[in-house]
Amino acid sequence: MSKLSQEETLELLNTLESRFTANVERHPDVVWSDVFERIQGDQDKLITLTLMEQSGGEPDVIRLPNGDFAFCDCSVESPSGRRSLCYDEPALEERKKNKPVGSAVALSEQMGITLLDEDTYRHLQTLGAFDLKTSSWIQTPDTIRQKGGALFCDCRYDHIFLYHNGADSYYAARGFRGILMI
């Protein structure tokens, strides 16, 4: 996708504004006009937001603990169009049988988003109930990744869990959430 048409841009902006208005608790003290000003003419950001939307992410603005705001995947479950992926390309290359179609890290880079880190994932969980039936890969420290592992999170029993798995594993109920700074 190289550029959105005027009609596609308008449709995306209307969707984002409606979601923004319906979920004000995610972005206290942020007004839509400020968000609109930051994204309206930026084709790269608009394309990224379109890809987030098309893959089931339901991007919405969240206020981060440091005061910044960003678009984050706010779908109740891990985005449906980004599941059944191993963690990264080295894990995909190492897998000999039953390879998944791709990796979370590579797809996030192609989309122009960053995987959530643990702190941002935990913050997102203060803004709603997410990943009650699914799980999401998160950024994994190199020390863990070098040993073949990767991290993922979910929310069960009103508690946020951080787990590990082999980076080459993939499951139908595990995807990834991303963030786009604006």
N, C-alpha and C. Protein backbone atom coordinates (compact mmCIF):
# COMPACT_ATOMS: atom_id res chain seq x y z
N MET A 1 0.86 -1.17 0.00
CA MET A 1 0.00 0.00 0.00
C MET A 1 0.91 1.23 0.00
N SER A 2 0.80 2.02 -1.04
CA SER A 2 1.68 3.18 -1.15
C SER A 2 1.02 4.49 -0.76
N LYS A 3 -0.28 4.60 -0.98
CA LYS A 3 -0.98 5.83 -0.63
C LYS A 3 -2.47 5.54 -0.53
N LEU A 4 -3.12 6.20 0.41
CA LEU A 4 -4.56 6.05 0.57
C LEU A 4 -5.28 7.07 -0.30
N SER A 5 -6.40 6.68 -0.84
CA SER A 5 -7.23 7.63 -1.58
C SER A 5 -7.87 8.58 -0.58
N GLN A 6 -8.43 9.65 -1.09
CA GLN A 6 -9.12 10.61 -0.23
C GLN A 6 -10.29 9.92 0.49
N GLU A 7 -11.00 9.06 -0.21
CA GLU A 7 -12.13 8.33 0.37
C GLU A 7 -11.66 7.38 1.47
N GLU A 8 -10.57 6.65 1.23
CA GLU A 8 -10.02 5.73 2.24
C GLU A 8 -9.54 6.50 3.47
N THR A 9 -8.91 7.64 3.24
CA THR A 9 -8.42 8.46 4.34
C THR A 9 -9.58 8.95 5.19
N LEU A 10 -10.62 9.46 4.55
CA LEU A 10 -11.80 9.95 5.26
C LEU A 10 -12.47 8.84 6.07
N GLU A 11 -12.60 7.67 5.46
CA GLU A 11 -13.21 6.53 6.15
C GLU A 11 -12.39 6.13 7.38
N LEU A 12 -11.06 6.07 7.24
CA LEU A 12 -10.19 5.74 8.36
C LEU A 12 -10.31 6.78 9.47
N LEU A 13 -10.23 8.05 9.11
CA LEU A 13 -10.30 9.12 10.11
C LEU A 13 -11.63 9.10 10.85
N ASN A 14 -12.71 8.83 10.14
CA ASN A 14 -14.03 8.73 10.79
C ASN A 14 -14.07 7.56 11.77
N THR A 15 -13.52 6.42 11.38
CA THR A 15 -13.47 5.25 12.26
C THR A 15 -12.66 5.56 13.52
N LEU A 16 -11.49 6.16 13.32
CA LEU A 16 -10.62 6.48 14.45
C LEU A 16 -11.26 7.51 15.38
N GLU A 17 -11.91 8.51 14.80
CA GLU A 17 -12.56 9.52 15.64
C GLU A 17 -13.72 8.92 16.43
N SER A 18 -14.49 8.05 15.81
CA SER A 18 -15.60 7.40 16.51
C SER A 18 -15.09 6.56 17.68
N ARG A 19 -14.04 5.80 17.44
CA ARG A 19 -13.46 4.97 18.51
C ARG A 19 -12.88 5.86 19.62
N PHE A 20 -12.22 6.93 19.23
CA PHE A 20 -11.64 7.89 20.18
C PHE A 20 -12.73 8.45 21.09
N THR A 21 -13.83 8.86 20.49
CA THR A 21 -14.95 9.46 21.23
C THR A 21 -15.63 8.45 22.15
N ALA A 22 -15.70 7.20 21.73
CA ALA A 22 -16.38 6.17 22.51
C ALA A 22 -15.54 5.65 23.67
N ASN A 23 -14.24 5.96 23.70
CA ASN A 23 -13.34 5.40 24.72
C ASN A 23 -12.47 6.47 25.36
N VAL A 24 -13.08 7.52 25.86
CA VAL A 24 -12.33 8.65 26.40
C VAL A 24 -11.46 8.29 27.59
N GLU A 25 -11.80 7.21 28.30
CA GLU A 25 -11.01 6.81 29.47
C GLU A 25 -9.60 6.36 29.09
N ARG A 26 -9.38 6.03 27.84
CA ARG A 26 -8.05 5.61 27.39
C ARG A 26 -7.10 6.77 27.17
N HIS A 27 -7.64 7.98 27.04
CA HIS A 27 -6.82 9.13 26.68
C HIS A 27 -7.32 10.40 27.38
N PRO A 28 -7.28 10.43 28.71
CA PRO A 28 -7.75 11.63 29.40
C PRO A 28 -6.94 12.87 28.97
N ASP A 29 -7.63 13.95 28.86
CA ASP A 29 -7.01 15.25 28.52
C ASP A 29 -6.41 15.30 27.12
N VAL A 30 -6.79 14.38 26.24
CA VAL A 30 -6.38 14.45 24.84
C VAL A 30 -7.62 14.79 24.04
N VAL A 31 -7.49 15.72 23.13
CA VAL A 31 -8.63 16.10 22.29
C VAL A 31 -8.36 15.64 20.86
N TRP A 32 -9.44 15.27 20.18
CA TRP A 32 -9.31 14.71 18.83
C TRP A 32 -8.60 15.67 17.89
N SER A 33 -8.82 16.96 18.01
CA SER A 33 -8.19 17.90 17.08
C SER A 33 -6.66 17.82 17.16
N ASP A 34 -6.11 17.56 18.36
CA ASP A 34 -4.65 17.40 18.49
C ASP A 34 -4.17 16.13 17.78
N VAL A 35 -4.94 15.05 17.93
CA VAL A 35 -4.60 13.79 17.27
C VAL A 35 -4.70 13.97 15.75
N PHE A 36 -5.81 14.53 15.32
CA PHE A 36 -6.06 14.76 13.90
C PHE A 36 -4.93 15.57 13.26
N GLU A 37 -4.49 16.60 13.95
CA GLU A 37 -3.41 17.46 13.45
C GLU A 37 -2.12 16.67 13.24
N ARG A 38 -1.87 15.70 14.10
CA ARG A 38 -0.63 14.92 14.03
C ARG A 38 -0.65 13.85 12.94
N ILE A 39 -1.83 13.43 12.50
CA ILE A 39 -1.87 12.33 11.54
C ILE A 39 -2.44 12.69 10.18
N GLN A 40 -3.21 13.78 10.08
CA GLN A 40 -3.98 14.05 8.86
C GLN A 40 -3.18 14.06 7.58
N GLY A 41 -2.00 14.61 7.56
CA GLY A 41 -1.24 14.69 6.32
C GLY A 41 -0.08 13.71 6.24
N ASP A 42 0.03 12.82 7.21
CA ASP A 42 1.15 11.91 7.28
C ASP A 42 0.75 10.56 6.68
N GLN A 43 1.04 10.37 5.39
CA GLN A 43 0.63 9.14 4.69
C GLN A 43 1.20 7.89 5.34
N ASP A 44 2.43 7.96 5.84
CA ASP A 44 3.02 6.78 6.48
C ASP A 44 2.20 6.36 7.70
N LYS A 45 1.84 7.32 8.54
CA LYS A 45 1.05 7.00 9.73
C LYS A 45 -0.36 6.53 9.34
N LEU A 46 -0.95 7.17 8.35
CA LEU A 46 -2.29 6.76 7.91
C LEU A 46 -2.28 5.34 7.35
N ILE A 47 -1.25 5.01 6.59
CA ILE A 47 -1.14 3.64 6.07
C ILE A 47 -0.95 2.65 7.20
N THR A 48 -0.09 2.99 8.16
CA THR A 48 0.11 2.11 9.32
C THR A 48 -1.19 1.91 10.08
N LEU A 49 -1.92 2.98 10.30
CA LEU A 49 -3.21 2.87 11.01
C LEU A 49 -4.21 2.03 10.22
N THR A 50 -4.18 2.15 8.91
CA THR A 50 -5.04 1.32 8.06
C THR A 50 -4.68 -0.15 8.22
N LEU A 51 -3.39 -0.46 8.22
CA LEU A 51 -2.95 -1.84 8.38
C LEU A 51 -3.31 -2.38 9.77
N MET A 52 -3.20 -1.54 10.77
CA MET A 52 -3.62 -1.95 12.12
C MET A 52 -5.11 -2.27 12.13
N GLU A 53 -5.88 -1.42 11.49
CA GLU A 53 -7.34 -1.60 11.43
C GLU A 53 -7.70 -2.85 10.63
N GLN A 54 -7.09 -3.02 9.48
CA GLN A 54 -7.41 -4.16 8.61
C GLN A 54 -7.05 -5.50 9.24
N SER A 55 -6.07 -5.52 10.11
CA SER A 55 -5.65 -6.78 10.74
C SER A 55 -6.35 -7.02 12.08
N GLY A 56 -7.36 -6.21 12.39
CA GLY A 56 -8.17 -6.44 13.58
C GLY A 56 -7.68 -5.78 14.85
N GLY A 57 -6.76 -4.84 14.74
CA GLY A 57 -6.19 -4.21 15.93
C GLY A 57 -7.06 -3.19 16.63
N GLU A 58 -8.03 -2.62 15.90
CA GLU A 58 -8.87 -1.56 16.47
C GLU A 58 -8.03 -0.48 17.17
N PRO A 59 -7.13 0.17 16.43
CA PRO A 59 -6.25 1.15 17.06
C PRO A 59 -7.02 2.31 17.67
N ASP A 60 -6.57 2.69 18.86
CA ASP A 60 -7.13 3.85 19.54
C ASP A 60 -5.99 4.57 20.25
N VAL A 61 -6.22 5.82 20.57
CA VAL A 61 -5.23 6.62 21.27
C VAL A 61 -5.21 6.21 22.73
N ILE A 62 -4.00 6.01 23.26
CA ILE A 62 -3.85 5.82 24.70
C ILE A 62 -2.87 6.86 25.21
N ARG A 63 -3.09 7.25 26.45
CA ARG A 63 -2.16 8.16 27.12
C ARG A 63 -1.16 7.28 27.85
N LEU A 64 0.12 7.46 27.57
CA LEU A 64 1.16 6.67 28.20
C LEU A 64 1.54 7.28 29.55
N PRO A 65 2.12 6.49 30.45
CA PRO A 65 2.48 7.02 31.78
C PRO A 65 3.38 8.25 31.75
N ASN A 66 4.22 8.38 30.71
CA ASN A 66 5.09 9.55 30.63
C ASN A 66 4.38 10.79 30.08
N GLY A 67 3.07 10.67 29.77
CA GLY A 67 2.30 11.79 29.26
C GLY A 67 2.14 11.81 27.75
N ASP A 68 2.99 11.08 27.04
CA ASP A 68 2.86 11.01 25.59
C ASP A 68 1.58 10.26 25.24
N PHE A 69 1.12 10.44 24.00
CA PHE A 69 0.03 9.61 23.55
C PHE A 69 0.39 8.96 22.22
N ALA A 70 -0.24 7.81 21.99
CA ALA A 70 0.09 6.99 20.83
C ALA A 70 -1.14 6.19 20.45
N PHE A 71 -1.14 5.68 19.24
CA PHE A 71 -2.17 4.71 18.83
C PHE A 71 -1.68 3.33 19.25
N CYS A 72 -2.57 2.56 19.85
CA CYS A 72 -2.26 1.21 20.31
C CYS A 72 -3.39 0.29 19.90
N ASP A 73 -3.06 -0.97 19.63
CA ASP A 73 -4.10 -1.95 19.34
C ASP A 73 -4.95 -2.15 20.59
N CYS A 74 -6.23 -1.83 20.48
CA CYS A 74 -7.14 -1.93 21.62
C CYS A 74 -8.26 -2.94 21.38
N SER A 75 -8.08 -3.86 20.46
CA SER A 75 -9.07 -4.92 20.27
C SER A 75 -9.12 -5.74 21.56
N VAL A 76 -10.29 -6.22 21.89
CA VAL A 76 -10.45 -6.96 23.13
C VAL A 76 -9.51 -8.16 23.17
N GLU A 77 -9.41 -8.89 22.08
CA GLU A 77 -8.49 -10.01 21.99
C GLU A 77 -7.35 -9.64 21.05
N SER A 78 -6.28 -10.40 21.10
CA SER A 78 -5.14 -10.15 20.25
C SER A 78 -5.63 -10.05 18.80
N PRO A 79 -5.16 -9.07 18.03
CA PRO A 79 -5.69 -8.85 16.69
C PRO A 79 -5.77 -10.13 15.85
N SER A 80 -6.95 -10.40 15.35
CA SER A 80 -7.22 -11.67 14.66
C SER A 80 -6.39 -11.87 13.40
N GLY A 81 -6.02 -10.81 12.73
CA GLY A 81 -5.22 -10.93 11.52
C GLY A 81 -3.74 -11.03 11.76
N ARG A 82 -3.34 -11.15 13.02
CA ARG A 82 -1.93 -11.22 13.38
C ARG A 82 -1.64 -12.36 14.35
N ARG A 83 -2.29 -13.46 14.15
CA ARG A 83 -2.08 -14.62 15.03
C ARG A 83 -1.37 -15.74 14.28
N SER A 84 -1.04 -16.78 15.03
CA SER A 84 -0.34 -17.96 14.47
C SER A 84 1.00 -17.58 13.86
N LEU A 85 1.72 -16.72 14.54
CA LEU A 85 3.04 -16.28 14.11
C LEU A 85 4.06 -16.64 15.17
N CYS A 86 5.25 -17.05 14.76
CA CYS A 86 6.31 -17.22 15.74
C CYS A 86 6.82 -15.82 16.12
N TYR A 87 7.81 -15.76 16.99
CA TYR A 87 8.24 -14.46 17.51
C TYR A 87 9.00 -13.62 16.47
N ASP A 88 10.07 -14.16 15.90
CA ASP A 88 10.89 -13.36 14.98
C ASP A 88 11.42 -14.21 13.82
N GLU A 89 12.12 -13.59 12.91
CA GLU A 89 12.62 -14.28 11.71
C GLU A 89 13.64 -15.38 12.03
N PRO A 90 14.58 -15.16 12.95
CA PRO A 90 15.49 -16.29 13.27
C PRO A 90 14.72 -17.52 13.76
N ALA A 91 13.67 -17.30 14.56
CA ALA A 91 12.86 -18.43 15.03
C ALA A 91 12.14 -19.10 13.86
N LEU A 92 11.65 -18.31 12.93
CA LEU A 92 10.97 -18.86 11.76
C LEU A 92 11.94 -19.70 10.92
N GLU A 93 13.15 -19.20 10.74
CA GLU A 93 14.16 -19.93 9.95
C GLU A 93 14.58 -21.23 10.62
N GLU A 94 14.63 -21.24 11.96
CA GLU A 94 15.04 -22.43 12.70
C GLU A 94 13.98 -23.53 12.67
N ARG A 95 12.74 -23.15 12.50
CA ARG A 95 11.66 -24.13 12.53
C ARG A 95 11.71 -24.99 11.27
N LYS A 96 11.79 -26.28 11.45
CA LYS A 96 11.93 -27.20 10.32
C LYS A 96 10.60 -27.72 9.82
N LYS A 97 9.65 -27.99 10.71
CA LYS A 97 8.35 -28.54 10.34
C LYS A 97 7.24 -27.58 10.70
N ASN A 98 6.17 -27.64 9.93
CA ASN A 98 4.96 -26.86 10.25
C ASN A 98 5.26 -25.40 10.52
N LYS A 99 5.98 -24.79 9.60
CA LYS A 99 6.34 -23.38 9.77
C LYS A 99 5.09 -22.50 9.71
N PRO A 100 5.02 -21.48 10.57
CA PRO A 100 3.93 -20.51 10.45
C PRO A 100 4.17 -19.62 9.23
N VAL A 101 3.20 -18.78 8.92
CA VAL A 101 3.33 -17.94 7.73
C VAL A 101 4.31 -16.79 7.92
N GLY A 102 4.68 -16.49 9.15
CA GLY A 102 5.59 -15.38 9.39
C GLY A 102 5.89 -15.20 10.86
N SER A 103 6.43 -14.03 11.17
CA SER A 103 6.80 -13.74 12.55
C SER A 103 6.20 -12.40 13.00
N ALA A 104 5.99 -12.30 14.30
CA ALA A 104 5.42 -11.08 14.87
C ALA A 104 6.34 -9.88 14.67
N VAL A 105 7.62 -10.06 14.90
CA VAL A 105 8.56 -8.94 14.76
C VAL A 105 8.61 -8.45 13.32
N ALA A 106 8.71 -9.35 12.36
CA ALA A 106 8.79 -8.94 10.96
C ALA A 106 7.51 -8.25 10.51
N LEU A 107 6.36 -8.80 10.89
CA LEU A 107 5.10 -8.18 10.48
C LEU A 107 4.92 -6.82 11.13
N SER A 108 5.30 -6.69 12.39
CA SER A 108 5.18 -5.37 13.04
C SER A 108 6.04 -4.34 12.32
N GLU A 109 7.24 -4.75 11.93
CA GLU A 109 8.12 -3.83 11.20
C GLU A 109 7.52 -3.46 9.85
N GLN A 110 6.96 -4.44 9.14
CA GLN A 110 6.33 -4.16 7.84
C GLN A 110 5.17 -3.19 8.00
N MET A 111 4.45 -3.30 9.09
CA MET A 111 3.29 -2.45 9.34
C MET A 111 3.68 -1.06 9.83
N GLY A 112 4.89 -0.90 10.35
CA GLY A 112 5.33 0.38 10.88
C GLY A 112 4.97 0.58 12.34
N ILE A 113 4.76 -0.52 13.06
CA ILE A 113 4.45 -0.43 14.49
C ILE A 113 5.53 -1.15 15.29
N THR A 114 5.51 -0.93 16.60
CA THR A 114 6.44 -1.57 17.51
C THR A 114 5.66 -2.50 18.42
N LEU A 115 6.17 -3.71 18.65
CA LEU A 115 5.54 -4.60 19.62
C LEU A 115 5.51 -3.91 20.98
N LEU A 116 4.45 -4.16 21.74
CA LEU A 116 4.40 -3.61 23.08
C LEU A 116 5.49 -4.23 23.93
N ASP A 117 6.05 -3.43 24.83
CA ASP A 117 6.94 -4.00 25.84
C ASP A 117 6.10 -4.34 27.06
N GLU A 118 6.70 -4.96 28.05
CA GLU A 118 5.93 -5.40 29.22
C GLU A 118 5.25 -4.24 29.93
N ASP A 119 5.96 -3.14 30.13
CA ASP A 119 5.37 -2.00 30.84
C ASP A 119 4.18 -1.43 30.09
N THR A 120 4.29 -1.30 28.77
CA THR A 120 3.17 -0.76 27.99
C THR A 120 2.00 -1.74 27.97
N TYR A 121 2.29 -3.03 27.91
CA TYR A 121 1.22 -4.03 27.96
C TYR A 121 0.49 -3.92 29.30
N ARG A 122 1.23 -3.83 30.39
CA ARG A 122 0.59 -3.70 31.72
C ARG A 122 -0.21 -2.40 31.81
N HIS A 123 0.31 -1.34 31.24
CA HIS A 123 -0.43 -0.07 31.23
C HIS A 123 -1.73 -0.21 30.44
N LEU A 124 -1.65 -0.85 29.28
CA LEU A 124 -2.86 -1.05 28.47
C LEU A 124 -3.94 -1.77 29.29
N GLN A 125 -3.53 -2.72 30.08
CA GLN A 125 -4.49 -3.48 30.88
C GLN A 125 -5.18 -2.63 31.95
N THR A 126 -4.63 -1.46 32.29
CA THR A 126 -5.31 -0.54 33.22
C THR A 126 -6.42 0.22 32.52
N LEU A 127 -6.45 0.16 31.19
CA LEU A 127 -7.41 0.93 30.40
C LEU A 127 -8.59 0.09 29.92
N GLY A 128 -8.58 -1.20 30.22
CA GLY A 128 -9.66 -2.09 29.79
C GLY A 128 -9.27 -3.53 30.04
N ALA A 129 -10.13 -4.43 29.63
CA ALA A 129 -9.87 -5.86 29.77
C ALA A 129 -9.47 -6.42 28.40
N PHE A 130 -8.22 -6.79 28.26
CA PHE A 130 -7.67 -7.25 26.99
C PHE A 130 -7.06 -8.64 27.14
N ASP A 131 -7.08 -9.41 26.06
CA ASP A 131 -6.49 -10.75 26.02
C ASP A 131 -7.02 -11.67 27.12
N LEU A 132 -8.33 -11.72 27.27
CA LEU A 132 -8.94 -12.61 28.24
C LEU A 132 -9.02 -14.05 27.72
N LYS A 133 -8.96 -14.22 26.40
CA LYS A 133 -9.00 -15.55 25.78
C LYS A 133 -7.79 -15.80 24.88
N THR A 134 -7.04 -14.77 24.58
CA THR A 134 -5.88 -14.88 23.69
C THR A 134 -4.64 -14.42 24.44
N SER A 135 -3.51 -14.43 23.77
CA SER A 135 -2.28 -13.89 24.35
C SER A 135 -1.55 -13.10 23.27
N SER A 136 -0.58 -12.30 23.70
CA SER A 136 0.14 -11.44 22.76
C SER A 136 1.64 -11.49 23.02
N TRP A 137 2.41 -11.73 21.94
CA TRP A 137 3.86 -11.62 22.04
C TRP A 137 4.21 -10.19 22.45
N ILE A 138 5.24 -10.04 23.25
CA ILE A 138 5.75 -8.70 23.61
C ILE A 138 7.25 -8.66 23.33
N GLN A 139 7.81 -7.45 23.36
CA GLN A 139 9.25 -7.32 23.15
C GLN A 139 9.98 -8.19 24.15
N THR A 140 10.97 -8.89 23.66
CA THR A 140 11.73 -9.83 24.50
C THR A 140 13.17 -9.35 24.62
N PRO A 141 13.68 -9.30 25.86
CA PRO A 141 15.09 -8.91 26.03
C PRO A 141 16.04 -9.85 25.30
N ASP A 142 17.15 -9.31 24.80
CA ASP A 142 18.13 -10.10 24.06
C ASP A 142 18.64 -11.28 24.89
N THR A 143 18.78 -11.10 26.20
CA THR A 143 19.31 -12.18 27.04
C THR A 143 18.40 -13.40 27.01
N ILE A 144 17.11 -13.19 26.89
CA ILE A 144 16.16 -14.31 26.78
C ILE A 144 16.13 -14.83 25.35
N ARG A 145 16.11 -13.91 24.41
CA ARG A 145 16.03 -14.31 23.00
C ARG A 145 17.25 -15.11 22.56
N GLN A 146 18.42 -14.77 23.08
CA GLN A 146 19.66 -15.49 22.72
C GLN A 146 19.62 -16.95 23.19
N LYS A 147 18.77 -17.24 24.14
CA LYS A 147 18.65 -18.61 24.65
C LYS A 147 17.47 -19.34 24.01
N GLY A 148 16.87 -18.72 22.98
CA GLY A 148 15.80 -19.37 22.24
C GLY A 148 14.39 -19.05 22.71
N GLY A 149 14.26 -18.23 23.74
CA GLY A 149 12.94 -17.92 24.28
C GLY A 149 12.37 -16.61 23.80
N ALA A 150 11.11 -16.41 24.09
CA ALA A 150 10.41 -15.15 23.81
C ALA A 150 9.29 -15.02 24.83
N LEU A 151 8.84 -13.78 25.05
CA LEU A 151 7.84 -13.49 26.07
C LEU A 151 6.48 -13.17 25.46
N PHE A 152 5.45 -13.51 26.21
CA PHE A 152 4.09 -13.13 25.83
C PHE A 152 3.29 -12.90 27.10
N CYS A 153 2.18 -12.19 26.95
CA CYS A 153 1.33 -11.85 28.09
C CYS A 153 -0.13 -12.15 27.77
N ASP A 154 -0.90 -12.26 28.83
CA ASP A 154 -2.36 -12.31 28.72
C ASP A 154 -2.94 -11.92 30.06
N CYS A 155 -4.26 -11.91 30.14
CA CYS A 155 -4.94 -11.56 31.39
C CYS A 155 -5.94 -12.66 31.72
N ARG A 156 -5.74 -13.28 32.87
CA ARG A 156 -6.64 -14.32 33.36
C ARG A 156 -6.87 -14.08 34.84
N TYR A 157 -8.05 -14.42 35.31
CA TYR A 157 -8.37 -14.31 36.74
C TYR A 157 -8.09 -12.90 37.29
N ASP A 158 -8.37 -11.89 36.46
CA ASP A 158 -8.12 -10.49 36.83
C ASP A 158 -6.65 -10.22 37.17
N HIS A 159 -5.76 -10.95 36.52
CA HIS A 159 -4.33 -10.78 36.76
C HIS A 159 -3.59 -10.82 35.41
N ILE A 160 -2.59 -10.00 35.27
CA ILE A 160 -1.78 -9.98 34.06
C ILE A 160 -0.63 -10.97 34.24
N PHE A 161 -0.53 -11.90 33.31
CA PHE A 161 0.52 -12.90 33.37
C PHE A 161 1.56 -12.65 32.29
N LEU A 162 2.81 -12.81 32.66
CA LEU A 162 3.95 -12.76 31.75
C LEU A 162 4.49 -14.18 31.68
N TYR A 163 4.62 -14.71 30.46
CA TYR A 163 5.08 -16.07 30.27
C TYR A 163 6.26 -16.09 29.29
N HIS A 164 6.84 -17.28 29.16
CA HIS A 164 7.88 -17.50 28.16
C HIS A 164 7.51 -18.72 27.35
N ASN A 165 8.06 -18.77 26.16
CA ASN A 165 7.86 -19.91 25.27
C ASN A 165 9.04 -19.92 24.31
N GLY A 166 9.23 -21.02 23.61
CA GLY A 166 10.22 -21.01 22.55
C GLY A 166 9.80 -20.00 21.50
N ALA A 167 10.74 -19.23 21.01
CA ALA A 167 10.42 -18.18 20.04
C ALA A 167 9.84 -18.75 18.75
N ASP A 168 10.10 -20.03 18.49
CA ASP A 168 9.59 -20.63 17.26
C ASP A 168 8.18 -21.19 17.42
N SER A 169 7.62 -21.11 18.61
CA SER A 169 6.26 -21.61 18.81
C SER A 169 5.24 -20.64 18.23
N TYR A 170 4.08 -21.17 17.91
CA TYR A 170 2.99 -20.32 17.43
C TYR A 170 1.68 -21.02 17.74
N TYR A 171 0.68 -20.21 18.00
CA TYR A 171 -0.63 -20.74 18.39
C TYR A 171 -1.72 -19.88 17.75
N ALA A 172 -2.85 -20.51 17.49
CA ALA A 172 -3.98 -19.80 16.87
C ALA A 172 -4.50 -18.68 17.76
N ALA A 173 -4.28 -18.78 19.05
CA ALA A 173 -4.78 -17.77 19.97
C ALA A 173 -3.69 -16.79 20.43
N ARG A 174 -2.52 -16.82 19.79
CA ARG A 174 -1.47 -15.87 20.16
C ARG A 174 -1.12 -15.00 18.96
N GLY A 175 -1.21 -13.71 19.19
CA GLY A 175 -0.84 -12.74 18.16
C GLY A 175 0.12 -11.71 18.75
N PHE A 176 -0.05 -10.49 18.34
CA PHE A 176 0.75 -9.42 18.93
C PHE A 176 -0.01 -8.10 18.82
N ARG A 177 0.28 -7.23 19.74
CA ARG A 177 -0.26 -5.87 19.76
C ARG A 177 0.88 -4.91 19.46
N GLY A 178 0.54 -3.83 18.79
CA GLY A 178 1.55 -2.85 18.44
C GLY A 178 1.16 -1.46 18.87
N ILE A 179 2.14 -0.58 18.77
CA ILE A 179 1.95 0.82 19.14
C ILE A 179 2.58 1.69 18.06
N LEU A 180 1.94 2.82 17.81
CA LEU A 180 2.42 3.81 16.85
C LEU A 180 2.47 5.15 17.57
N MET A 181 3.67 5.66 17.77
CA MET A 181 3.81 6.96 18.42
C MET A 181 3.36 8.05 17.45
N ILE A 182 2.67 9.03 18.00
CA ILE A 182 2.22 10.15 17.14
C ILE A 182 2.65 11.49 17.73
